[in-house]
Amino acid sequence: MKALNRKTKETDINASLELYGSGKNSIDTGIGFFNHMLESFSKHSLIDLDIKCIGDLDVDYHHSVEDCGIVIGKLLNDSLYPAKNIERFGFSSIVMDEACVECSIDISNRAFLVFDIPLIDKIGINKVGSFDCELVEEFFKALTSNAALSMHIVYKRGKNSHHIIEACFKSFAIALRNALKINERITIPSTKGVV
């Protein structure tokens, strides 16, 4: 179990993560929809995640969502590297009713994100409840850069923003779970001899 406290003028976050857990979680970010997405990530990745975020929600949700991404990314990084005896690569295509999103992951120790998800409408406004859809990309940017993952999250189809976003989090969860599968035959999953 890895734990981290990160406190800034904008957020105060206490979190812990168990990479090979059972999907147990306790999530309180003060943002209902975001809580739902992180609970879904934990459940489907089988990663135990506890996170409590006190943020400046009176200003905007941006700081809380981005900083949660930073903290979860750092906890993943501390748990993943040096990578050994894992599959390393993972893929998932997740359907949520009419929506379908794919996620491909390389536990590479190199940060790179392709986020090809059309969530903002033509006039630049899109929300799920009070949650700004543009924050989904901010979360994944913060997470991948701090976890040092290479990841592509790609829209296949869909119209409902809630379904598309939830498919993003679920496809990420399943792709990561697949990449983390233990395989003793692989030893170091790189021709370089280190990840």
Protein backbone atom coordinates (compact mmCIF):
# COMPACT_ATOMS: atom_id res chain seq x y z
CA MET A 1 0.00 0.00 0.00
CA LYS A 2 1.41 3.35 -1.09
CA ALA A 3 0.21 6.58 0.53
CA LEU A 4 0.66 10.25 -0.26
CA ASN A 5 -0.41 13.63 1.10
CA ARG A 6 -0.17 16.61 -1.24
CA LYS A 7 -1.15 20.04 0.01
CA THR A 8 -1.17 23.27 -2.00
CA LYS A 9 -3.03 26.57 -1.70
CA GLU A 10 -5.71 25.04 -3.92
CA THR A 11 -6.10 21.45 -2.69
CA ASP A 12 -5.32 19.18 0.26
CA ILE A 13 -5.29 15.53 -0.82
CA ASN A 14 -4.72 12.38 1.22
CA ALA A 15 -4.62 9.18 -0.81
CA SER A 16 -3.51 5.57 -0.71
CA LEU A 17 -3.33 2.92 -3.41
CA GLU A 18 -2.83 -0.84 -3.49
CA LEU A 19 -1.90 -1.97 -7.00
CA TYR A 20 -2.94 -5.61 -6.59
CA GLY A 21 -6.08 -5.17 -4.55
CA SER A 22 -9.71 -6.13 -5.05
CA GLY A 23 -11.22 -2.83 -6.19
CA LYS A 24 -12.15 -1.56 -2.73
CA ASN A 25 -12.35 2.21 -2.54
CA SER A 26 -13.29 5.23 -0.50
CA ILE A 27 -13.54 8.29 -2.73
CA ASP A 28 -14.42 11.82 -1.60
CA THR A 29 -13.38 14.66 -3.91
CA GLY A 30 -16.39 16.86 -3.28
CA ILE A 31 -17.40 16.34 -6.94
CA GLY A 32 -20.12 13.71 -7.30
CA PHE A 33 -19.58 12.75 -10.93
CA PHE A 34 -15.80 12.59 -10.49
CA ASN A 35 -16.24 10.38 -7.41
CA HIS A 36 -18.33 8.04 -9.57
CA MET A 37 -15.61 7.87 -12.24
CA LEU A 38 -12.82 7.13 -9.71
CA GLU A 39 -14.98 4.48 -8.02
CA SER A 40 -15.52 2.87 -11.42
CA PHE A 41 -11.78 3.00 -12.17
CA SER A 42 -10.95 1.32 -8.85
CA LYS A 43 -13.64 -1.35 -9.20
CA HIS A 44 -12.67 -2.40 -12.72
CA SER A 45 -8.88 -2.12 -12.36
CA LEU A 46 -9.00 -4.10 -9.08
CA ILE A 47 -6.80 -1.36 -7.60
CA ASP A 48 -7.72 -0.39 -4.05
CA LEU A 49 -7.98 3.40 -3.88
CA ASP A 50 -8.72 5.75 -1.03
CA ILE A 51 -8.71 9.47 -1.78
CA LYS A 52 -9.94 12.49 0.14
CA CYS A 53 -9.62 15.84 -1.61
CA ILE A 54 -10.49 19.18 -0.07
CA GLY A 55 -10.32 21.68 -2.90
CA ASP A 56 -11.30 25.20 -3.85
CA LEU A 57 -14.55 24.08 -5.47
CA ASP A 58 -15.95 27.57 -5.05
CA VAL A 59 -13.43 28.66 -7.69
CA ASP A 60 -13.73 25.72 -10.10
CA TYR A 61 -13.41 21.91 -10.22
CA HIS A 62 -10.21 22.16 -12.28
CA HIS A 63 -7.68 22.23 -9.43
CA SER A 64 -9.26 19.27 -7.62
CA VAL A 65 -9.55 17.08 -10.72
CA GLU A 66 -6.03 17.85 -11.97
CA ASP A 67 -4.44 17.46 -8.54
CA CYS A 68 -6.19 14.12 -7.97
CA GLY A 69 -4.67 13.04 -11.30
CA ILE A 70 -1.23 14.12 -10.07
CA VAL A 71 -1.59 12.22 -6.79
CA ILE A 72 -2.97 9.02 -8.34
CA GLY A 73 -0.25 9.22 -10.99
CA LYS A 74 2.50 9.53 -8.38
CA LEU A 75 1.08 6.59 -6.40
CA LEU A 76 0.95 4.49 -9.57
CA ASN A 77 4.53 5.47 -10.43
CA ASP A 78 5.76 4.46 -6.97
CA SER A 79 3.97 1.12 -7.34
CA LEU A 80 4.90 0.31 -10.96
CA TYR A 81 8.62 0.93 -11.29
CA PRO A 82 10.97 -0.74 -11.73
CA ALA A 83 8.60 -2.91 -13.78
CA LYS A 84 9.20 -6.65 -13.63
CA ASN A 85 7.24 -9.85 -14.35
CA ILE A 86 4.25 -8.04 -15.86
CA GLU A 87 2.68 -8.05 -19.31
CA ARG A 88 3.48 -4.30 -19.65
CA PHE A 89 1.03 -3.69 -22.53
CA GLY A 90 -2.74 -3.53 -22.12
CA PHE A 91 -5.76 -2.83 -24.30
CA SER A 92 -9.48 -2.50 -23.70
CA SER A 93 -12.52 -1.53 -25.74
CA ILE A 94 -15.45 -0.64 -23.51
CA VAL A 95 -19.08 -0.20 -24.50
CA MET A 96 -21.47 1.98 -22.50
CA ASP A 97 -24.79 1.68 -24.35
CA GLU A 98 -24.29 3.67 -27.59
CA ALA A 99 -20.75 4.75 -26.62
CA CYS A 100 -17.50 2.89 -27.22
CA VAL A 101 -14.01 3.98 -26.14
CA GLU A 102 -10.67 2.19 -26.54
CA CYS A 103 -7.61 2.49 -24.32
CA SER A 104 -4.13 1.20 -25.07
CA ILE A 105 -1.43 1.37 -22.38
CA ASP A 106 2.30 0.81 -22.28
CA ILE A 107 3.84 0.77 -18.80
CA SER A 108 6.90 2.35 -20.37
CA ASN A 109 8.30 4.76 -17.76
CA ARG A 110 7.82 7.39 -20.48
CA ALA A 111 4.88 9.78 -20.25
CA PHE A 112 2.78 10.26 -23.37
CA LEU A 113 -0.96 10.76 -23.81
CA VAL A 114 -3.14 10.69 -26.90
CA PHE A 115 -6.62 11.79 -25.84
CA ASP A 116 -8.84 11.63 -28.89
CA ILE A 117 -12.27 12.12 -27.31
CA PRO A 118 -14.71 14.73 -28.74
CA LEU A 119 -16.44 15.96 -25.58
CA ILE A 120 -16.70 19.68 -26.26
CA ASP A 121 -19.53 20.81 -28.53
CA LYS A 122 -19.19 23.36 -31.33
CA ILE A 123 -19.69 26.35 -29.04
CA GLY A 124 -17.20 25.05 -26.48
CA ILE A 125 -19.62 24.06 -23.73
CA ASN A 126 -20.33 20.60 -22.43
CA LYS A 127 -21.14 19.44 -18.91
CA VAL A 128 -22.31 16.35 -17.10
CA GLY A 129 -24.32 17.92 -14.32
CA SER A 130 -21.97 20.59 -12.96
CA PHE A 131 -18.85 18.76 -14.16
CA ASP A 132 -16.96 20.32 -17.09
CA CYS A 133 -16.21 17.61 -19.65
CA GLU A 134 -12.89 19.27 -20.57
CA LEU A 135 -11.58 18.22 -17.14
CA VAL A 136 -11.46 14.57 -18.20
CA GLU A 137 -8.48 15.29 -20.44
CA GLU A 138 -6.84 17.37 -17.68
CA PHE A 139 -7.16 14.42 -15.30
CA PHE A 140 -5.58 11.96 -17.73
CA LYS A 141 -2.80 14.42 -18.65
CA ALA A 142 -1.87 14.81 -14.99
CA LEU A 143 -2.11 11.08 -14.30
CA THR A 144 -0.06 9.88 -17.28
CA SER A 145 2.68 12.46 -16.81
CA ASN A 146 3.11 11.56 -13.14
CA ALA A 147 2.67 7.79 -13.59
CA ALA A 148 5.03 7.77 -16.61
CA LEU A 149 2.57 5.79 -18.73
CA SER A 150 2.19 5.90 -22.50
CA MET A 151 -1.52 5.83 -23.16
CA HIS A 152 -3.97 6.34 -26.01
CA ILE A 153 -7.65 6.89 -25.21
CA VAL A 154 -9.66 6.93 -28.42
CA TYR A 155 -13.34 7.59 -29.16
CA LYS A 156 -15.01 5.04 -31.42
CA ARG A 157 -18.62 6.20 -31.19
CA GLY A 158 -21.23 7.68 -28.88
CA LYS A 159 -23.44 10.71 -28.20
CA ASN A 160 -24.06 10.77 -24.46
CA SER A 161 -21.24 12.56 -22.61
CA HIS A 162 -21.78 10.59 -19.39
CA HIS A 163 -21.46 7.30 -21.27
CA ILE A 164 -18.40 8.44 -23.22
CA ILE A 165 -16.57 9.65 -20.11
CA GLU A 166 -17.45 6.55 -18.11
CA ALA A 167 -16.19 4.41 -20.99
CA CYS A 168 -12.90 6.38 -20.83
CA PHE A 169 -12.41 5.53 -17.15
CA LYS A 170 -13.51 1.91 -17.53
CA SER A 171 -11.35 1.28 -20.61
CA PHE A 172 -8.39 2.80 -18.75
CA ALA A 173 -9.09 0.54 -15.78
CA ILE A 174 -9.31 -2.67 -17.81
CA ALA A 175 -6.31 -1.83 -20.02
CA LEU A 176 -4.22 -1.13 -16.91
CA ARG A 177 -5.43 -4.34 -15.23
CA ASN A 178 -4.39 -6.29 -18.33
CA ALA A 179 -0.97 -4.59 -18.48
CA LEU A 180 -0.40 -5.43 -14.81
CA LYS A 181 -1.02 -9.17 -15.23
CA ILE A 182 1.80 -11.15 -13.65
CA ASN A 183 3.89 -13.17 -16.08
CA GLU A 184 7.02 -14.63 -14.50
CA ARG A 185 8.40 -15.69 -17.90
CA ILE A 186 8.75 -12.08 -19.00
CA THR A 187 11.10 -10.97 -16.18
CA ILE A 188 12.11 -7.44 -17.33
CA PRO A 189 9.57 -6.50 -20.05
CA SER A 190 12.04 -4.65 -22.26
CA THR A 191 14.92 -5.47 -24.60
CA LYS A 192 16.81 -2.65 -22.85
CA GLY A 193 16.88 -4.64 -19.64
CA VAL A 194 15.07 -1.98 -17.61
CA VAL A 195 11.73 -0.18 -17.73
